[in-house]
Amino acid sequence: MSKVTSRLRTLKKSAEKVVHGNKIRAIIPSGMASAGPPLGPTLGQRGINIAVFCKDFNERTKDMKEGLPLPCRIIVNPDRSYELIIHRFKPALFIVLDCNISGKEVAGKITLKHVYEIAKIKSEDPPLECTSLKVICDMLIGTARSCGIEVVRHLDPVEYGEFLEERKLIVEQQRKELDEKKEARMLRTG
């Protein structure tokens, strides 16, 4: 055996294993955890039984609407057990993605009572457990305003119906503009 191969063998033996951190941050759809990528390989690298984890996650999220993306924190212990922390989804994300709105135009209205109910749900999240409801309400009002939602004290049904009709026309016009842009883009590339 040559000197080079013997040195390579000693280097391979002394090479360090990759040490993964013990905290995993993931966004997992509620009730739909599966062993496939990207979750399966990430958990497998840390020695967690993927089938048990998926069963546990799906059991804990069975009450929620299926498919809602939930931010999760997984803390892996040295004995290959884990602690799973499931946060509530962020409604602002869906509002911005679905409505395609800027913060300047009013896309919807919500009452303070609705804000309070959302704040009660959000107060169950681990990061907001020790935060007062007033602070959570203020945070939600700021998020709503930045997403184009007007917060009002009282919502008159007749006035809100008129607002929805106007909004329906605006959305239809925006859809037509988007369709025209898509067609123009398709004609340019074709």
N, C-alpha and C. Protein backbone atom coordinates (compact mmCIF):
# COMPACT_ATOMS: atom_id res chain seq x y z
N MET A 1 0.84 -1.17 0.00
CA MET A 1 0.00 0.00 0.00
C MET A 1 0.89 1.24 0.00
N SER A 2 0.51 2.21 -0.81
CA SER A 2 1.33 3.41 -0.92
C SER A 2 1.07 4.35 0.25
N LYS A 3 1.96 5.31 0.38
CA LYS A 3 1.84 6.28 1.47
C LYS A 3 0.61 7.17 1.28
N VAL A 4 0.27 7.45 0.03
CA VAL A 4 -0.86 8.35 -0.26
C VAL A 4 -2.18 7.71 0.18
N THR A 5 -2.38 6.43 -0.15
CA THR A 5 -3.64 5.78 0.22
C THR A 5 -3.76 5.62 1.73
N SER A 6 -2.64 5.36 2.40
CA SER A 6 -2.71 5.23 3.86
C SER A 6 -3.04 6.58 4.51
N ARG A 7 -2.51 7.64 3.95
CA ARG A 7 -2.84 8.98 4.48
C ARG A 7 -4.30 9.32 4.22
N LEU A 8 -4.81 8.93 3.05
CA LEU A 8 -6.22 9.19 2.75
C LEU A 8 -7.13 8.45 3.72
N ARG A 9 -6.77 7.23 4.06
CA ARG A 9 -7.58 6.46 5.00
C ARG A 9 -7.60 7.12 6.38
N THR A 10 -6.46 7.59 6.81
CA THR A 10 -6.42 8.25 8.13
C THR A 10 -7.21 9.55 8.10
N LEU A 11 -7.18 10.24 6.96
CA LEU A 11 -7.97 11.47 6.85
C LEU A 11 -9.46 11.18 6.88
N LYS A 12 -9.88 10.09 6.21
CA LYS A 12 -11.29 9.72 6.22
C LYS A 12 -11.76 9.38 7.63
N LYS A 13 -10.91 8.68 8.38
CA LYS A 13 -11.28 8.31 9.74
C LYS A 13 -11.39 9.53 10.64
N SER A 14 -10.52 10.50 10.40
CA SER A 14 -10.52 11.68 11.27
C SER A 14 -11.51 12.76 10.81
N ALA A 15 -12.13 12.56 9.65
CA ALA A 15 -13.11 13.54 9.16
C ALA A 15 -14.30 13.58 10.11
N GLU A 16 -14.75 14.78 10.40
CA GLU A 16 -15.85 14.93 11.35
C GLU A 16 -17.19 14.73 10.66
N LYS A 17 -18.12 14.22 11.44
CA LYS A 17 -19.47 14.08 10.94
C LYS A 17 -20.13 15.45 10.91
N VAL A 18 -21.13 15.60 10.05
CA VAL A 18 -21.88 16.84 9.99
C VAL A 18 -22.82 16.88 11.19
N VAL A 19 -22.70 17.93 11.97
CA VAL A 19 -23.55 18.07 13.14
C VAL A 19 -24.66 19.05 12.79
N HIS A 20 -25.90 18.57 12.86
CA HIS A 20 -27.04 19.42 12.56
C HIS A 20 -27.51 20.08 13.84
N GLY A 21 -28.09 21.25 13.70
CA GLY A 21 -28.65 21.95 14.86
C GLY A 21 -29.83 21.19 15.42
N ASN A 22 -30.21 21.56 16.65
CA ASN A 22 -31.31 20.83 17.26
C ASN A 22 -32.65 21.53 17.06
N LYS A 23 -32.68 22.65 16.37
CA LYS A 23 -33.93 23.35 16.12
C LYS A 23 -34.25 23.35 14.63
N ILE A 24 -35.48 22.98 14.32
CA ILE A 24 -35.93 22.96 12.92
C ILE A 24 -37.12 23.89 12.82
N ARG A 25 -37.08 24.76 11.83
CA ARG A 25 -38.21 25.64 11.55
C ARG A 25 -38.80 25.19 10.22
N ALA A 26 -40.10 24.93 10.23
CA ALA A 26 -40.75 24.44 9.01
C ALA A 26 -42.17 24.97 8.93
N ILE A 27 -42.68 25.05 7.72
CA ILE A 27 -44.08 25.39 7.50
C ILE A 27 -44.73 24.14 6.93
N ILE A 28 -45.63 23.56 7.71
CA ILE A 28 -46.25 22.28 7.36
C ILE A 28 -47.75 22.48 7.20
N PRO A 29 -48.36 22.00 6.11
CA PRO A 29 -49.81 22.11 5.96
C PRO A 29 -50.54 21.27 7.02
N SER A 30 -51.56 21.85 7.63
CA SER A 30 -52.27 21.16 8.71
C SER A 30 -52.92 19.88 8.20
N GLY A 31 -52.72 18.81 8.96
CA GLY A 31 -53.31 17.52 8.63
C GLY A 31 -52.69 16.83 7.44
N MET A 32 -51.60 17.37 6.90
CA MET A 32 -51.03 16.80 5.67
C MET A 32 -49.53 16.54 5.80
N ALA A 33 -49.03 16.30 7.01
CA ALA A 33 -47.61 16.00 7.17
C ALA A 33 -47.33 14.64 6.55
N SER A 34 -46.29 14.57 5.74
CA SER A 34 -45.93 13.31 5.09
C SER A 34 -44.42 13.11 5.16
N ALA A 35 -44.01 11.89 4.90
CA ALA A 35 -42.60 11.55 4.99
C ALA A 35 -41.79 12.03 3.80
N GLY A 36 -42.44 12.60 2.81
CA GLY A 36 -41.74 13.07 1.62
C GLY A 36 -40.94 14.33 1.88
N PRO A 37 -40.16 14.73 0.87
CA PRO A 37 -39.39 15.95 1.00
C PRO A 37 -40.30 17.16 1.13
N PRO A 38 -39.88 18.19 1.74
CA PRO A 38 -38.61 18.44 2.42
C PRO A 38 -38.59 18.00 3.87
N LEU A 39 -39.74 17.65 4.43
CA LEU A 39 -39.82 17.33 5.86
C LEU A 39 -39.13 16.01 6.20
N GLY A 40 -39.38 14.97 5.43
CA GLY A 40 -38.84 13.65 5.73
C GLY A 40 -37.32 13.61 5.84
N PRO A 41 -36.60 14.08 4.81
CA PRO A 41 -35.14 14.05 4.91
C PRO A 41 -34.58 14.90 6.05
N THR A 42 -35.23 16.03 6.31
CA THR A 42 -34.76 16.90 7.39
C THR A 42 -34.87 16.20 8.74
N LEU A 43 -35.99 15.54 8.97
CA LEU A 43 -36.17 14.82 10.23
C LEU A 43 -35.30 13.57 10.28
N GLY A 44 -35.15 12.90 9.14
CA GLY A 44 -34.33 11.69 9.08
C GLY A 44 -32.87 11.95 9.40
N GLN A 45 -32.34 13.10 8.99
CA GLN A 45 -30.95 13.46 9.28
C GLN A 45 -30.70 13.59 10.78
N ARG A 46 -31.74 13.93 11.49
CA ARG A 46 -31.60 14.12 12.93
C ARG A 46 -32.05 12.89 13.73
N GLY A 47 -32.41 11.82 13.04
CA GLY A 47 -32.73 10.56 13.69
C GLY A 47 -34.13 10.47 14.27
N ILE A 48 -35.05 11.29 13.81
CA ILE A 48 -36.43 11.25 14.31
C ILE A 48 -37.22 10.26 13.46
N ASN A 49 -38.05 9.46 14.11
CA ASN A 49 -38.92 8.53 13.40
C ASN A 49 -39.97 9.36 12.66
N ILE A 50 -39.90 9.36 11.34
CA ILE A 50 -40.73 10.24 10.51
C ILE A 50 -42.20 9.84 10.59
N ALA A 51 -42.49 8.56 10.58
CA ALA A 51 -43.88 8.10 10.62
C ALA A 51 -44.56 8.52 11.92
N VAL A 52 -43.84 8.39 13.03
CA VAL A 52 -44.41 8.79 14.33
C VAL A 52 -44.64 10.30 14.37
N PHE A 53 -43.68 11.06 13.82
CA PHE A 53 -43.83 12.51 13.80
C PHE A 53 -45.04 12.92 12.97
N CYS A 54 -45.18 12.35 11.78
CA CYS A 54 -46.30 12.70 10.90
C CYS A 54 -47.63 12.35 11.56
N LYS A 55 -47.69 11.19 12.21
CA LYS A 55 -48.92 10.79 12.90
C LYS A 55 -49.24 11.76 14.03
N ASP A 56 -48.22 12.14 14.80
CA ASP A 56 -48.41 13.08 15.91
C ASP A 56 -48.87 14.45 15.40
N PHE A 57 -48.22 14.96 14.36
CA PHE A 57 -48.58 16.27 13.82
C PHE A 57 -50.00 16.26 13.27
N ASN A 58 -50.33 15.25 12.49
CA ASN A 58 -51.67 15.17 11.90
C ASN A 58 -52.75 15.03 12.97
N GLU A 59 -52.43 14.33 14.06
CA GLU A 59 -53.38 14.18 15.16
C GLU A 59 -53.60 15.52 15.87
N ARG A 60 -52.52 16.28 16.05
CA ARG A 60 -52.64 17.57 16.75
C ARG A 60 -53.33 18.64 15.90
N THR A 61 -53.32 18.48 14.58
CA THR A 61 -53.93 19.49 13.71
C THR A 61 -55.22 19.00 13.07
N LYS A 62 -55.81 17.94 13.59
CA LYS A 62 -57.02 17.39 12.97
C LYS A 62 -58.22 18.33 13.11
N ASP A 63 -58.22 19.22 14.13
CA ASP A 63 -59.33 20.14 14.34
C ASP A 63 -59.31 21.31 13.37
N MET A 64 -58.17 21.58 12.77
CA MET A 64 -58.02 22.74 11.88
C MET A 64 -58.43 22.38 10.46
N LYS A 65 -58.68 23.41 9.68
CA LYS A 65 -58.99 23.21 8.27
C LYS A 65 -57.77 22.60 7.58
N GLU A 66 -57.99 21.57 6.81
CA GLU A 66 -56.88 20.84 6.19
C GLU A 66 -56.19 21.69 5.13
N GLY A 67 -54.86 21.69 5.18
CA GLY A 67 -54.07 22.37 4.16
C GLY A 67 -53.59 23.76 4.55
N LEU A 68 -53.99 24.29 5.71
CA LEU A 68 -53.51 25.60 6.12
C LEU A 68 -52.04 25.50 6.49
N PRO A 69 -51.18 26.34 5.92
CA PRO A 69 -49.76 26.27 6.27
C PRO A 69 -49.52 26.78 7.69
N LEU A 70 -48.94 25.95 8.52
CA LEU A 70 -48.69 26.30 9.92
C LEU A 70 -47.20 26.40 10.18
N PRO A 71 -46.72 27.53 10.70
CA PRO A 71 -45.32 27.62 11.08
C PRO A 71 -45.07 26.73 12.30
N CYS A 72 -44.06 25.87 12.22
CA CYS A 72 -43.78 24.93 13.31
C CYS A 72 -42.32 25.05 13.73
N ARG A 73 -42.08 24.80 14.99
CA ARG A 73 -40.73 24.72 15.53
C ARG A 73 -40.58 23.33 16.11
N ILE A 74 -39.54 22.63 15.68
CA ILE A 74 -39.28 21.28 16.17
C ILE A 74 -37.93 21.32 16.87
N ILE A 75 -37.93 20.98 18.15
CA ILE A 75 -36.69 20.96 18.93
C ILE A 75 -36.33 19.49 19.15
N VAL A 76 -35.17 19.11 18.64
CA VAL A 76 -34.73 17.71 18.71
C VAL A 76 -33.86 17.54 19.95
N ASN A 77 -34.22 16.57 20.78
CA ASN A 77 -33.46 16.26 22.00
C ASN A 77 -32.36 15.25 21.67
N PRO A 78 -31.31 15.16 22.51
CA PRO A 78 -30.23 14.21 22.24
C PRO A 78 -30.69 12.74 22.19
N ASP A 79 -31.78 12.41 22.88
CA ASP A 79 -32.26 11.03 22.86
C ASP A 79 -33.20 10.76 21.68
N ARG A 80 -33.18 11.62 20.68
CA ARG A 80 -33.95 11.53 19.44
C ARG A 80 -35.46 11.68 19.65
N SER A 81 -35.83 12.21 20.78
CA SER A 81 -37.23 12.60 20.96
C SER A 81 -37.32 14.05 20.48
N TYR A 82 -38.52 14.59 20.42
CA TYR A 82 -38.67 15.94 19.90
C TYR A 82 -39.79 16.67 20.63
N GLU A 83 -39.72 17.97 20.56
CA GLU A 83 -40.79 18.82 21.09
C GLU A 83 -41.33 19.61 19.90
N LEU A 84 -42.62 19.51 19.68
CA LEU A 84 -43.26 20.15 18.53
C LEU A 84 -44.07 21.34 19.00
N ILE A 85 -43.76 22.52 18.48
CA ILE A 85 -44.50 23.74 18.78
C ILE A 85 -45.17 24.19 17.49
N ILE A 86 -46.50 24.25 17.51
CA ILE A 86 -47.26 24.64 16.32
C ILE A 86 -47.83 26.03 16.55
N HIS A 87 -47.48 26.96 15.67
CA HIS A 87 -48.00 28.33 15.74
C HIS A 87 -49.22 28.44 14.85
N ARG A 88 -50.02 29.45 15.08
CA ARG A 88 -51.17 29.73 14.22
C ARG A 88 -50.66 30.36 12.94
N PHE A 89 -51.41 30.17 11.85
CA PHE A 89 -51.01 30.76 10.58
C PHE A 89 -51.21 32.27 10.63
N LYS A 90 -50.54 32.96 9.74
CA LYS A 90 -50.62 34.41 9.70
C LYS A 90 -51.63 34.82 8.64
N PRO A 91 -52.76 35.39 9.04
CA PRO A 91 -53.79 35.75 8.08
C PRO A 91 -53.33 36.80 7.07
N ALA A 92 -52.41 37.67 7.47
CA ALA A 92 -51.96 38.72 6.57
C ALA A 92 -51.31 38.14 5.32
N LEU A 93 -50.64 37.01 5.48
CA LEU A 93 -50.01 36.36 4.34
C LEU A 93 -51.03 36.00 3.28
N PHE A 94 -52.14 35.41 3.71
CA PHE A 94 -53.18 35.02 2.76
C PHE A 94 -53.84 36.24 2.13
N ILE A 95 -54.05 37.27 2.92
CA ILE A 95 -54.71 38.46 2.40
C ILE A 95 -53.87 39.08 1.29
N VAL A 96 -52.59 39.23 1.53
CA VAL A 96 -51.71 39.86 0.54
C VAL A 96 -51.59 38.98 -0.70
N LEU A 97 -51.42 37.67 -0.53
CA LEU A 97 -51.24 36.79 -1.68
C LEU A 97 -52.52 36.63 -2.49
N ASP A 98 -53.65 36.45 -1.82
CA ASP A 98 -54.89 36.18 -2.53
C ASP A 98 -55.48 37.42 -3.19
N CYS A 99 -55.42 38.54 -2.52
CA CYS A 99 -56.10 39.73 -3.02
C CYS A 99 -55.25 40.54 -3.99
N ASN A 100 -53.93 40.38 -3.93
CA ASN A 100 -53.04 41.14 -4.80
C ASN A 100 -53.33 42.64 -4.67
N ILE A 101 -53.35 43.12 -3.43
CA ILE A 101 -53.72 44.50 -3.18
C ILE A 101 -52.53 45.28 -2.64
N SER A 102 -52.56 46.57 -2.90
CA SER A 102 -51.59 47.45 -2.28
C SER A 102 -52.21 47.94 -0.98
N GLY A 103 -51.41 48.51 -0.11
CA GLY A 103 -51.94 48.98 1.16
C GLY A 103 -52.75 50.25 1.05
N LYS A 104 -52.77 50.88 -0.13
CA LYS A 104 -53.45 52.17 -0.28
C LYS A 104 -54.94 52.01 -0.51
N GLU A 105 -55.38 50.99 -1.22
CA GLU A 105 -56.80 50.85 -1.50
C GLU A 105 -57.46 49.98 -0.43
N VAL A 106 -58.70 50.30 -0.10
CA VAL A 106 -59.43 49.56 0.92
C VAL A 106 -60.05 48.32 0.27
N ALA A 107 -59.62 47.15 0.72
CA ALA A 107 -60.10 45.91 0.12
C ALA A 107 -61.16 45.24 0.98
N GLY A 108 -61.28 45.65 2.23
CA GLY A 108 -62.26 45.04 3.11
C GLY A 108 -62.41 45.84 4.38
N LYS A 109 -63.40 45.47 5.16
CA LYS A 109 -63.65 46.13 6.44
C LYS A 109 -63.81 45.07 7.51
N ILE A 110 -63.41 45.44 8.72
CA ILE A 110 -63.50 44.53 9.86
C ILE A 110 -63.82 45.37 11.10
N THR A 111 -64.59 44.81 12.02
CA THR A 111 -64.95 45.55 13.23
C THR A 111 -63.94 45.26 14.34
N LEU A 112 -63.99 46.10 15.37
CA LEU A 112 -63.12 45.89 16.52
C LEU A 112 -63.45 44.58 17.24
N LYS A 113 -64.70 44.19 17.19
CA LYS A 113 -65.10 42.92 17.81
C LYS A 113 -64.39 41.75 17.12
N HIS A 114 -64.31 41.79 15.78
CA HIS A 114 -63.60 40.74 15.04
C HIS A 114 -62.12 40.74 15.38
N VAL A 115 -61.54 41.95 15.50
CA VAL A 115 -60.13 42.06 15.86
C VAL A 115 -59.89 41.42 17.23
N TYR A 116 -60.80 41.68 18.17
CA TYR A 116 -60.67 41.12 19.52
C TYR A 116 -60.75 39.59 19.49
N GLU A 117 -61.66 39.05 18.69
CA GLU A 117 -61.79 37.58 18.59
C GLU A 117 -60.52 36.96 17.99
N ILE A 118 -59.97 37.61 16.97
CA ILE A 118 -58.72 37.11 16.37
C ILE A 118 -57.59 37.20 17.39
N ALA A 119 -57.56 38.29 18.18
CA ALA A 119 -56.52 38.47 19.19
C ALA A 119 -56.60 37.38 20.26
N LYS A 120 -57.80 36.97 20.63
CA LYS A 120 -57.94 35.89 21.61
C LYS A 120 -57.35 34.59 21.07
N ILE A 121 -57.55 34.33 19.78
CA ILE A 121 -56.98 33.12 19.17
C ILE A 121 -55.46 33.24 19.10
N LYS A 122 -54.97 34.41 18.68
CA LYS A 122 -53.52 34.61 18.54
C LYS A 122 -52.81 34.59 19.89
N SER A 123 -53.52 34.92 20.98
CA SER A 123 -52.88 34.94 22.30
C SER A 123 -52.51 33.53 22.77
N GLU A 124 -53.03 32.51 22.13
CA GLU A 124 -52.68 31.13 22.47
C GLU A 124 -51.35 30.71 21.85
N ASP A 125 -50.83 31.50 20.90
CA ASP A 125 -49.54 31.20 20.28
C ASP A 125 -48.44 31.32 21.33
N PRO A 126 -47.44 30.43 21.32
CA PRO A 126 -46.36 30.51 22.31
C PRO A 126 -45.63 31.86 22.35
N PRO A 127 -45.33 32.52 21.22
CA PRO A 127 -44.62 33.80 21.34
C PRO A 127 -45.46 34.92 21.95
N LEU A 128 -46.78 34.79 21.91
CA LEU A 128 -47.65 35.86 22.39
C LEU A 128 -48.36 35.50 23.70
N GLU A 129 -47.93 34.44 24.37
CA GLU A 129 -48.62 34.00 25.58
C GLU A 129 -48.64 35.06 26.68
N CYS A 130 -47.56 35.77 26.87
CA CYS A 130 -47.46 36.75 27.96
C CYS A 130 -47.78 38.17 27.50
N THR A 131 -48.27 38.31 26.30
CA THR A 131 -48.60 39.63 25.75
C THR A 131 -50.07 39.94 26.04
N SER A 132 -50.34 41.19 26.40
CA SER A 132 -51.72 41.56 26.71
C SER A 132 -52.56 41.60 25.44
N LEU A 133 -53.87 41.44 25.60
CA LEU A 133 -54.78 41.46 24.45
C LEU A 133 -54.77 42.81 23.76
N LYS A 134 -54.56 43.89 24.51
CA LYS A 134 -54.53 45.23 23.91
C LYS A 134 -53.37 45.35 22.93
N VAL A 135 -52.22 44.85 23.32
CA VAL A 135 -51.04 44.91 22.44
C VAL A 135 -51.27 44.05 21.20
N ILE A 136 -51.84 42.86 21.37
CA ILE A 136 -52.11 41.98 20.23
C ILE A 136 -53.13 42.64 19.30
N CYS A 137 -54.17 43.28 19.87
CA CYS A 137 -55.17 43.99 19.05
C CYS A 137 -54.51 45.11 18.25
N ASP A 138 -53.63 45.89 18.91
CA ASP A 138 -52.93 46.96 18.20
C ASP A 138 -52.09 46.40 17.06
N MET A 139 -51.44 45.29 17.31
CA MET A 139 -50.62 44.65 16.27
C MET A 139 -51.49 44.20 15.10
N LEU A 140 -52.64 43.60 15.40
CA LEU A 140 -53.54 43.14 14.34
C LEU A 140 -54.13 44.30 13.55
N ILE A 141 -54.45 45.41 14.23
CA ILE A 141 -54.98 46.58 13.53
C ILE A 141 -53.93 47.14 12.57
N GLY A 142 -52.67 47.19 13.01
CA GLY A 142 -51.60 47.65 12.13
C GLY A 142 -51.42 46.75 10.93
N THR A 143 -51.48 45.45 11.15
CA THR A 143 -51.36 44.49 10.05
C THR A 143 -52.52 44.65 9.07
N ALA A 144 -53.73 44.81 9.61
CA ALA A 144 -54.91 44.97 8.75
C ALA A 144 -54.79 46.23 7.90
N ARG A 145 -54.37 47.32 8.50
CA ARG A 145 -54.23 48.57 7.74
C ARG A 145 -53.20 48.43 6.64
N SER A 146 -52.08 47.77 6.93
CA SER A 146 -51.05 47.63 5.91
C SER A 146 -51.49 46.72 4.77
N CYS A 147 -52.47 45.86 5.04
CA CYS A 147 -52.99 44.95 4.00
C CYS A 147 -54.17 45.54 3.26
N GLY A 148 -54.62 46.73 3.63
CA GLY A 148 -55.74 47.34 2.93
C GLY A 148 -57.09 47.03 3.55
N ILE A 149 -57.12 46.70 4.82
CA ILE A 149 -58.38 46.42 5.51
C ILE A 149 -58.66 47.56 6.48
N GLU A 150 -59.84 48.12 6.38
CA GLU A 150 -60.23 49.23 7.24
C GLU A 150 -60.86 48.67 8.52
N VAL A 151 -60.41 49.16 9.67
CA VAL A 151 -60.95 48.73 10.95
C VAL A 151 -61.96 49.78 11.41
N VAL A 152 -63.21 49.35 11.65
CA VAL A 152 -64.29 50.27 12.03
C VAL A 152 -64.90 49.81 13.35
N ARG A 153 -65.56 50.77 14.04
CA ARG A 153 -66.23 50.43 15.30
C ARG A 153 -67.49 49.61 15.05
N HIS A 154 -68.29 50.06 14.10
CA HIS A 154 -69.57 49.41 13.82
C HIS A 154 -69.70 49.25 12.31
N LEU A 155 -70.23 48.13 11.88
CA LEU A 155 -70.37 47.85 10.46
C LEU A 155 -71.85 47.79 10.11
N ASP A 156 -72.31 48.80 9.36
CA ASP A 156 -73.71 48.85 8.93
C ASP A 156 -73.90 47.87 7.77
N PRO A 157 -74.86 46.95 7.85
CA PRO A 157 -75.03 45.94 6.79
C PRO A 157 -75.34 46.54 5.42
N VAL A 158 -76.16 47.61 5.38
CA VAL A 158 -76.50 48.23 4.09
C VAL A 158 -75.27 48.88 3.47
N GLU A 159 -74.56 49.63 4.29
CA GLU A 159 -73.35 50.31 3.82
C GLU A 159 -72.30 49.28 3.38
N TYR A 160 -72.16 48.20 4.13
CA TYR A 160 -71.19 47.17 3.79
C TYR A 160 -71.58 46.45 2.50
N GLY A 161 -72.87 46.24 2.28
CA GLY A 161 -73.35 45.63 1.03
C GLY A 161 -72.98 46.48 -0.17
N GLU A 162 -73.16 47.81 -0.04
CA GLU A 162 -72.78 48.73 -1.13
C GLU A 162 -71.28 48.67 -1.37
N PHE A 163 -70.52 48.63 -0.27
CA PHE A 163 -69.06 48.54 -0.38
C PHE A 163 -68.65 47.27 -1.13
N LEU A 164 -69.29 46.15 -0.80
CA LEU A 164 -68.96 44.88 -1.46
C LEU A 164 -69.28 44.91 -2.95
N GLU A 165 -70.40 45.55 -3.32
CA GLU A 165 -70.76 45.67 -4.74
C GLU A 165 -69.72 46.50 -5.49
N GLU A 166 -69.31 47.63 -4.90
CA GLU A 166 -68.27 48.46 -5.51
C GLU A 166 -66.97 47.67 -5.64
N ARG A 167 -66.65 46.94 -4.58
CA ARG A 167 -65.40 46.18 -4.57
C ARG A 167 -65.42 45.07 -5.63
N LYS A 168 -66.59 44.47 -5.83
CA LYS A 168 -66.73 43.42 -6.84
C LYS A 168 -66.43 43.97 -8.23
N LEU A 169 -66.91 45.19 -8.51
CA LEU A 169 -66.64 45.82 -9.81
C LEU A 169 -65.15 46.11 -9.97
N ILE A 170 -64.52 46.61 -8.91
CA ILE A 170 -63.09 46.92 -8.97
C ILE A 170 -62.28 45.65 -9.21
N VAL A 171 -62.62 44.58 -8.51
CA VAL A 171 -61.88 43.32 -8.66
C VAL A 171 -62.06 42.76 -10.07
N GLU A 172 -63.27 42.87 -10.61
CA GLU A 172 -63.51 42.39 -11.97
C GLU A 172 -62.68 43.17 -12.98
N GLN A 173 -62.60 44.49 -12.78
CA GLN A 173 -61.79 45.33 -13.67
C GLN A 173 -60.31 44.94 -13.57
N GLN A 174 -59.83 44.69 -12.34
CA GLN A 174 -58.44 44.29 -12.16
C GLN A 174 -58.16 42.94 -12.82
N ARG A 175 -59.11 42.02 -12.75
CA ARG A 175 -58.95 40.72 -13.40
C ARG A 175 -58.84 40.86 -14.91
N LYS A 176 -59.68 41.73 -15.48
CA LYS A 176 -59.63 41.95 -16.93
C LYS A 176 -58.27 42.51 -17.33
N GLU A 177 -57.76 43.46 -16.55
CA GLU A 177 -56.45 44.04 -16.84
C GLU A 177 -55.36 42.97 -16.77
N LEU A 178 -55.43 42.11 -15.75
CA LEU A 178 -54.44 41.03 -15.64
C LEU A 178 -54.53 40.06 -16.80
N ASP A 179 -55.75 39.71 -17.21
CA ASP A 179 -55.92 38.81 -18.35
C ASP A 179 -55.36 39.42 -19.63
N GLU A 180 -55.58 40.73 -19.82
CA GLU A 180 -55.04 41.41 -21.00
C GLU A 180 -53.52 41.39 -20.98
N LYS A 181 -52.93 41.62 -19.80
CA LYS A 181 -51.47 41.59 -19.69
C LYS A 181 -50.93 40.19 -20.00
N LYS A 182 -51.62 39.16 -19.50
CA LYS A 182 -51.18 37.78 -19.76
C LYS A 182 -51.26 37.46 -21.25
N GLU A 183 -52.36 37.88 -21.89
CA GLU A 183 -52.51 37.62 -23.33
C GLU A 183 -51.44 38.36 -24.12
N ALA A 184 -51.15 39.60 -23.75
CA ALA A 184 -50.12 40.36 -24.45
C ALA A 184 -48.76 39.69 -24.28
N ARG A 185 -48.48 39.18 -23.11
CA ARG A 185 -47.21 38.50 -22.86
C ARG A 185 -47.13 37.21 -23.66
N MET A 186 -48.24 36.49 -23.75
CA MET A 186 -48.27 35.24 -24.52
C MET A 186 -48.05 35.51 -26.01
N LEU A 187 -48.62 36.61 -26.51
CA LEU A 187 -48.46 36.95 -27.92
C LEU A 187 -47.02 37.35 -28.23
N ARG A 188 -46.36 38.02 -27.27
CA ARG A 188 -44.97 38.41 -27.48
C ARG A 188 -44.04 37.21 -27.53
N THR A 189 -44.29 36.22 -26.69
CA THR A 189 -43.40 35.06 -26.64
C THR A 189 -43.72 34.05 -27.72
N GLY A 190 -44.93 34.10 -28.29
CA GLY A 190 -45.37 33.10 -29.27
C GLY A 190 -44.94 33.37 -30.62
